[in-house]
């Protein structure tokens, strides 16, 4: 992985209109540095605080590429992996796992979800001032309605609690969705590639490990051009646009907050994604988002698609995908 030295633009006092027009609509990453200043989370979400408050809760623990490796209490994870001086605890795996603690993502209660925890931490944070309050395709929120990720369900709304050395290997997010990642504690290194780099980064449904690329499997990886290599600091919020490949590594013990979404300005791309035939797992997650998720709004599927395609105007597809 070459050193490009490219960092992302950092902005302050960005309006909702500018965020939508310059970053969401143009599918461009950005870091907003002043939207968490009033959040209690920025002051309170330390490992000790979370351990005392939620240490008894069961959490999902993952490897470096979305593989569930265990379920344990939060306090057990923090005791085993946080505050290390660089050596893993006895009996630990040869990689550093991390807690990926989501609100319900599918209709499956075999794993512990974080819905009740998000209800308890709702006062610790709020909708970032630049983030739209309505006009979402995913989750559905009409222009006449309003929604707030600190109070309402969003897909992949979760806490990432990552010990030093934990990483999330290169991937692009599902559902043709954007994501915000809010850094509350610690620092994360990341590298990002724009969607045009996909042929050099993926093969057969797999993505290259940018820290240890297997050039036998990914011979074209040296041709990939990274867009950014940067650090996400406490108090910063990163927009990861749809289709962008990203790799994260915690360079210290880290606590982050995230959620995914599709704004109405990206409707055309979302419909193209549906028309292309998403994987079955993503279709199940979308079905849950629209018809089974907590806090879902009343939704008629045919009427919803008709409303969406009407908003595209004369360029709407003649037959919206079902």
Protein backbone atom coordinates (compact mmCIF):
# COMPACT_ATOMS: atom_id res chain seq x y z
CA UNK A 1 0.00 0.00 0.00
CA UNK A 2 1.75 3.14 -1.20
CA UNK A 3 1.99 6.31 0.84
CA UNK A 4 0.04 9.01 -0.97
CA UNK A 5 -0.13 11.59 1.79
CA UNK A 6 -3.56 12.66 0.52
CA UNK A 7 -5.89 13.87 3.26
CA UNK A 8 -9.58 14.64 2.96
CA UNK A 9 -11.09 18.10 2.99
CA UNK A 10 -12.12 19.23 6.47
CA UNK A 11 -14.98 21.68 6.76
CA UNK A 12 -16.90 23.58 9.42
CA UNK A 13 -20.23 25.41 9.46
CA UNK A 14 -21.44 23.46 6.43
CA UNK A 15 -25.16 23.89 5.81
CA UNK A 16 -27.56 21.05 5.12
CA UNK A 17 -27.99 22.36 1.58
CA UNK A 18 -24.24 22.40 0.95
CA UNK A 19 -23.76 18.97 2.48
CA UNK A 20 -26.42 17.56 0.15
CA UNK A 21 -25.39 19.40 -3.00
CA UNK A 22 -21.59 19.28 -2.69
CA UNK A 23 -20.99 15.96 -0.97
CA UNK A 24 -23.99 13.61 -1.09
CA UNK A 25 -25.10 14.47 -4.61
CA UNK A 26 -21.52 14.54 -5.93
CA UNK A 27 -20.59 11.36 -4.03
CA UNK A 28 -17.58 13.00 -2.43
CA UNK A 29 -16.09 12.17 0.98
CA UNK A 30 -15.56 14.93 3.54
CA UNK A 31 -14.77 15.36 7.23
CA UNK A 32 -16.83 17.79 9.33
CA UNK A 33 -14.90 18.88 12.41
CA UNK A 34 -17.35 20.98 14.45
CA UNK A 35 -20.58 18.96 14.63
CA UNK A 36 -19.81 16.95 17.81
CA UNK A 37 -18.67 19.82 20.02
CA UNK A 38 -21.83 19.87 22.11
CA UNK A 39 -22.20 16.10 22.35
CA UNK A 40 -21.89 14.60 25.80
CA UNK A 41 -20.58 11.52 24.01
CA UNK A 42 -17.37 13.35 23.17
CA UNK A 43 -16.75 13.91 26.88
CA UNK A 44 -18.31 10.83 28.45
CA UNK A 45 -17.70 7.88 26.12
CA UNK A 46 -14.50 6.57 27.62
CA UNK A 47 -13.81 2.86 28.09
CA UNK A 48 -14.38 3.21 31.86
CA UNK A 49 -17.69 4.99 31.35
CA UNK A 50 -19.02 2.42 28.90
CA UNK A 51 -17.82 -0.44 31.10
CA UNK A 52 -19.59 0.94 34.16
CA UNK A 53 -22.75 1.78 32.22
CA UNK A 54 -23.05 -1.17 29.85
CA UNK A 55 -20.38 -3.66 30.91
CA UNK A 56 -22.98 -6.32 31.72
CA UNK A 57 -24.47 -6.16 28.21
CA UNK A 58 -23.74 -8.92 25.71
CA UNK A 59 -22.11 -7.69 22.47
CA UNK A 60 -21.12 -9.04 19.08
CA UNK A 61 -17.37 -9.37 18.53
CA UNK A 62 -16.03 -9.46 14.96
CA UNK A 63 -12.84 -10.22 13.11
CA UNK A 64 -11.43 -7.88 10.49
CA UNK A 65 -13.95 -8.56 7.73
CA UNK A 66 -17.48 -8.94 9.14
CA UNK A 67 -16.96 -12.42 10.54
CA UNK A 68 -18.63 -12.94 13.91
CA UNK A 69 -16.05 -14.54 16.19
CA UNK A 70 -17.96 -14.51 19.46
CA UNK A 71 -20.49 -13.02 21.82
CA UNK A 72 -19.30 -11.79 25.19
CA UNK A 73 -20.02 -9.09 27.74
CA UNK A 74 -18.72 -5.63 26.96
CA UNK A 75 -16.71 -5.56 30.18
CA UNK A 76 -15.00 -8.85 29.24
CA UNK A 77 -14.03 -7.46 25.84
CA UNK A 78 -12.70 -4.22 27.32
CA UNK A 79 -10.73 -6.06 30.01
CA UNK A 80 -9.20 -8.45 27.51
CA UNK A 81 -8.27 -6.03 24.74
CA UNK A 82 -8.31 -2.38 25.86
CA UNK A 83 -5.32 -0.72 27.52
CA UNK A 84 -2.79 -3.16 26.07
CA UNK A 85 0.85 -2.18 25.66
CA UNK A 86 1.08 -3.95 22.33
CA UNK A 87 0.83 -7.63 23.29
CA UNK A 88 -2.34 -9.68 23.12
CA UNK A 89 -3.72 -11.28 26.22
CA UNK A 90 -3.05 -14.99 26.75
CA UNK A 91 -5.53 -17.07 24.80
CA UNK A 92 -6.47 -14.21 22.48
CA UNK A 93 -6.60 -14.78 18.70
CA UNK A 94 -3.68 -13.63 16.54
CA UNK A 95 -5.71 -10.62 15.38
CA UNK A 96 -7.43 -7.89 17.34
CA UNK A 97 -11.22 -8.26 17.21
CA UNK A 98 -13.66 -5.44 17.82
CA UNK A 99 -17.21 -4.87 18.99
CA UNK A 100 -19.70 -4.08 16.23
CA UNK A 101 -22.86 -3.32 18.22
CA UNK A 102 -25.78 -2.61 15.90
CA UNK A 103 -29.42 -1.78 16.30
CA UNK A 104 -31.58 -4.53 14.76
CA UNK A 105 -30.38 -5.09 11.20
CA UNK A 106 -32.45 -8.18 10.42
CA UNK A 107 -35.30 -10.07 12.09
CA UNK A 108 -32.97 -12.37 14.04
CA UNK A 109 -32.70 -12.34 17.82
CA UNK A 110 -29.99 -14.98 18.14
CA UNK A 111 -27.42 -12.19 18.60
CA UNK A 112 -27.55 -9.23 21.01
CA UNK A 113 -28.71 -6.00 19.40
CA UNK A 114 -28.17 -2.46 20.68
CA UNK A 115 -31.67 -0.98 20.33
CA UNK A 116 -32.21 -0.53 24.07
CA UNK A 117 -28.70 0.85 24.51
CA UNK A 118 -29.37 3.47 21.84
CA UNK A 119 -32.48 4.51 23.74
CA UNK A 120 -30.34 5.04 26.83
CA UNK A 121 -27.60 7.02 25.08
CA UNK A 122 -29.97 9.21 23.04
CA UNK A 123 -29.21 12.28 25.17
CA UNK A 124 -25.46 11.86 24.68
CA UNK A 125 -25.59 12.89 21.03
CA UNK A 126 -27.94 14.25 18.38
CA UNK A 127 -28.51 14.69 14.69
CA UNK A 128 -25.43 16.51 13.33
CA UNK A 129 -26.44 20.02 12.35
CA UNK A 130 -25.47 19.44 8.70
CA UNK A 131 -27.37 16.15 8.38
CA UNK A 132 -30.80 16.37 6.67
CA UNK A 133 -33.86 15.87 8.86
CA UNK A 134 -36.08 14.50 6.07
CA UNK A 135 -36.20 13.27 2.45
CA UNK A 136 -34.63 9.83 2.86
CA UNK A 137 -35.13 6.78 0.69
CA UNK A 138 -33.47 4.56 3.32
CA UNK A 139 -34.84 4.65 5.93
CA UNK A 140 -38.03 5.96 4.38
CA UNK A 141 -38.74 9.53 5.47
CA UNK A 142 -40.86 11.82 3.30
CA UNK A 143 -39.95 15.49 2.76
CA UNK A 144 -42.95 16.40 4.94
CA UNK A 145 -41.74 14.22 7.83
CA UNK A 146 -38.63 14.34 10.03
CA UNK A 147 -36.13 11.84 11.38
CA UNK A 148 -33.18 11.90 13.79
CA UNK A 149 -30.57 9.12 13.97
CA UNK A 150 -30.14 9.67 17.71
CA UNK A 151 -33.84 8.89 18.23
CA UNK A 152 -34.91 6.87 15.20
CA UNK A 153 -33.75 3.61 13.64
CA UNK A 154 -31.25 3.82 10.78
CA UNK A 155 -29.68 0.84 8.98
CA UNK A 156 -26.34 -0.21 10.46
CA UNK A 157 -26.68 2.30 13.28
CA UNK A 158 -24.09 1.03 15.68
CA UNK A 159 -21.21 1.49 18.06
CA UNK A 160 -17.74 0.34 17.05
CA UNK A 161 -15.65 -0.35 20.14
CA UNK A 162 -12.20 -1.21 18.85
CA UNK A 163 -9.01 -2.01 20.71
CA UNK A 164 -5.71 -0.73 19.37
CA UNK A 165 -4.76 -2.70 16.26
CA UNK A 166 -8.30 -3.72 15.34
CA UNK A 167 -9.17 -3.12 11.74
CA UNK A 168 -12.01 -3.35 9.25
CA UNK A 169 -10.55 -4.54 5.97
CA UNK A 170 -11.27 -2.97 2.62
CA UNK A 171 -14.93 -3.03 1.55
CA UNK A 172 -17.74 -0.86 0.16
CA UNK A 173 -20.94 -0.52 2.17
CA UNK A 174 -24.17 -2.30 1.13
CA UNK A 175 -27.47 -0.92 -0.22
CA UNK A 176 -25.78 1.76 -2.37
CA UNK A 177 -25.78 3.73 0.87
CA UNK A 178 -23.75 6.54 2.36
CA UNK A 179 -22.47 6.35 5.92
CA UNK A 180 -21.38 8.75 8.63
CA UNK A 181 -18.67 7.70 11.06
CA UNK A 182 -18.41 9.83 14.21
CA UNK A 183 -15.21 9.46 16.22
CA UNK A 184 -15.85 9.86 19.96
CA UNK A 185 -12.66 8.42 21.48
CA UNK A 186 -9.26 7.48 20.11
CA UNK A 187 -7.87 7.68 16.59
CA UNK A 188 -8.42 5.64 13.43
CA UNK A 189 -6.22 5.49 10.35
CA UNK A 190 -8.05 4.99 7.08
CA UNK A 191 -7.51 4.71 3.36
CA UNK A 192 -10.21 5.30 0.74
CA UNK A 193 -10.56 4.51 -2.96
CA UNK A 194 -13.19 5.91 -5.29
CA UNK A 195 -15.59 3.43 -6.95
CA UNK A 196 -13.68 3.53 -10.27
CA UNK A 197 -10.82 1.66 -8.58
CA UNK A 198 -12.96 -1.45 -7.96
CA UNK A 199 -11.40 -3.55 -10.79
CA UNK A 200 -8.01 -3.26 -9.09
CA UNK A 201 -9.33 -3.95 -5.58
CA UNK A 202 -11.79 -6.82 -5.99
CA UNK A 203 -11.94 -10.22 -7.60
CA UNK A 204 -14.52 -12.98 -7.34
CA UNK A 205 -16.44 -11.21 -4.62
CA UNK A 206 -13.30 -10.68 -2.51
CA UNK A 207 -11.44 -7.47 -1.70
CA UNK A 208 -7.69 -7.12 -1.40
CA UNK A 209 -6.05 -6.76 2.01
CA UNK A 210 -4.35 -3.42 1.46
CA UNK A 211 -1.92 -4.02 4.33
CA UNK A 212 -0.76 -7.38 2.96
CA UNK A 213 -1.89 -7.66 -0.67
CA UNK A 214 -1.77 -11.09 -2.29
CA UNK A 215 -0.58 -10.17 -5.77
CA UNK A 216 -1.19 -13.69 -7.01
CA UNK A 217 -4.91 -13.13 -6.44
CA UNK A 218 -4.95 -9.35 -7.03
CA UNK A 219 -2.22 -8.75 -9.64
CA UNK A 220 -3.67 -5.37 -10.65
CA UNK A 221 -3.64 -3.92 -7.13
CA UNK A 222 -0.44 -1.90 -7.77
CA UNK A 223 -2.44 0.05 -10.39
CA UNK A 224 -5.02 1.18 -7.81
CA UNK A 225 -4.89 4.87 -6.93
CA UNK A 226 -5.96 5.68 -3.39
CA UNK A 227 -7.94 8.89 -3.02
CA UNK A 228 -7.15 9.54 0.61
CA UNK A 229 -5.01 8.32 3.48
CA UNK A 230 -5.87 10.08 6.71
CA UNK A 231 -6.60 9.89 10.44
CA UNK A 232 -10.01 10.37 12.02
CA UNK A 233 -9.62 12.27 15.28
CA UNK A 234 -12.03 12.61 18.23
CA UNK A 235 -14.82 15.04 17.38
CA UNK A 236 -14.59 14.48 13.62
CA UNK A 237 -17.35 13.05 11.43
CA UNK A 238 -16.45 11.34 8.16
CA UNK A 239 -18.82 10.91 5.23
CA UNK A 240 -18.14 7.61 3.46
CA UNK A 241 -20.02 7.93 0.15
CA UNK A 242 -21.80 5.08 -1.59
CA UNK A 243 -19.53 2.72 -3.49
CA UNK A 244 -16.30 4.03 -1.98
CA UNK A 245 -13.88 1.38 -0.74
CA UNK A 246 -12.47 2.01 2.71
CA UNK A 247 -10.10 0.32 5.15
CA UNK A 248 -9.87 1.35 8.81
CA UNK A 249 -7.38 0.53 11.55
CA UNK A 250 -7.55 1.74 15.15
CA UNK A 251 -4.18 3.22 16.09
CA UNK A 252 -5.37 3.54 19.67
CA UNK A 253 -8.29 2.15 21.63
CA UNK A 254 -11.28 3.63 19.85
CA UNK A 255 -15.01 4.29 20.21
CA UNK A 256 -17.02 5.31 17.14
CA UNK A 257 -20.66 5.81 16.22
CA UNK A 258 -22.06 5.14 12.74
CA UNK A 259 -25.18 4.80 10.62
CA UNK A 260 -26.03 4.33 6.93
CA UNK A 261 -28.64 6.05 4.79
CA UNK A 262 -29.76 6.89 1.26
CA UNK A 263 -30.90 10.47 0.72
CA UNK A 264 -33.47 11.35 -1.92
CA UNK A 265 -30.78 13.14 -3.95
CA UNK A 266 -29.24 9.70 -4.59
CA UNK A 267 -32.51 8.06 -5.63
CA UNK A 268 -31.47 7.41 -9.23
CA UNK A 269 -28.39 5.50 -8.07
CA UNK A 270 -30.45 3.56 -5.54
CA UNK A 271 -32.94 2.49 -8.20
CA UNK A 272 -30.07 1.41 -10.46
CA UNK A 273 -28.71 -0.67 -7.59
CA UNK A 274 -32.11 -2.36 -7.16
CA UNK A 275 -32.43 -2.97 -10.89
CA UNK A 276 -29.00 -4.65 -10.97
CA UNK A 277 -30.18 -7.32 -8.53
CA UNK A 278 -28.58 -6.96 -5.07
CA UNK A 279 -27.39 -10.01 -3.12
CA UNK A 280 -30.11 -11.88 -1.25
CA UNK A 281 -28.69 -10.85 2.12
CA UNK A 282 -29.02 -7.17 1.21
CA UNK A 283 -32.56 -7.66 -0.09
CA UNK A 284 -33.52 -9.25 3.24
CA UNK A 285 -32.00 -6.32 5.10
CA UNK A 286 -33.90 -3.86 2.90
CA UNK A 287 -37.14 -5.75 3.47
CA UNK A 288 -36.52 -5.50 7.21
CA UNK A 289 -35.71 -1.80 6.92
CA UNK A 290 -39.00 -1.00 5.18
CA UNK A 291 -41.39 -3.48 6.77
CA UNK A 292 -39.94 -4.87 10.00
CA UNK A 293 -37.54 -2.42 11.61
CA UNK A 294 -38.21 -0.64 14.92
CA UNK A 295 -39.74 2.79 14.38
CA UNK A 296 -40.60 2.08 10.73
CA UNK A 297 -43.15 4.41 9.13
CA UNK A 298 -46.33 3.09 7.49
CA UNK A 299 -45.40 2.15 3.95
CA UNK A 300 -47.26 0.75 0.98
CA UNK A 301 -44.68 -0.82 -1.32
CA UNK A 302 -46.33 0.03 -4.66
CA UNK A 303 -47.25 3.52 -3.53
CA UNK A 304 -43.76 4.07 -2.15
CA UNK A 305 -42.04 3.14 -5.41
CA UNK A 306 -44.51 5.26 -7.38
CA UNK A 307 -43.76 8.22 -5.12
CA UNK A 308 -40.02 7.74 -5.50
CA UNK A 309 -40.01 7.43 -9.26
CA UNK A 310 -42.38 10.40 -9.61
CA UNK A 311 -39.80 12.52 -7.81
CA UNK A 312 -37.34 11.70 -10.59
CA UNK A 313 -39.49 13.63 -13.03
CA UNK A 314 -39.55 12.86 -16.76
CA UNK A 315 -36.38 10.73 -16.51
CA UNK A 316 -37.94 8.15 -14.20
CA UNK A 317 -37.80 4.51 -15.33
CA UNK A 318 -40.96 3.34 -17.05
CA UNK A 319 -41.13 0.28 -14.80
CA UNK A 320 -39.58 0.78 -11.37
CA UNK A 321 -37.85 -2.33 -10.04
CA UNK A 322 -39.74 -4.55 -7.58
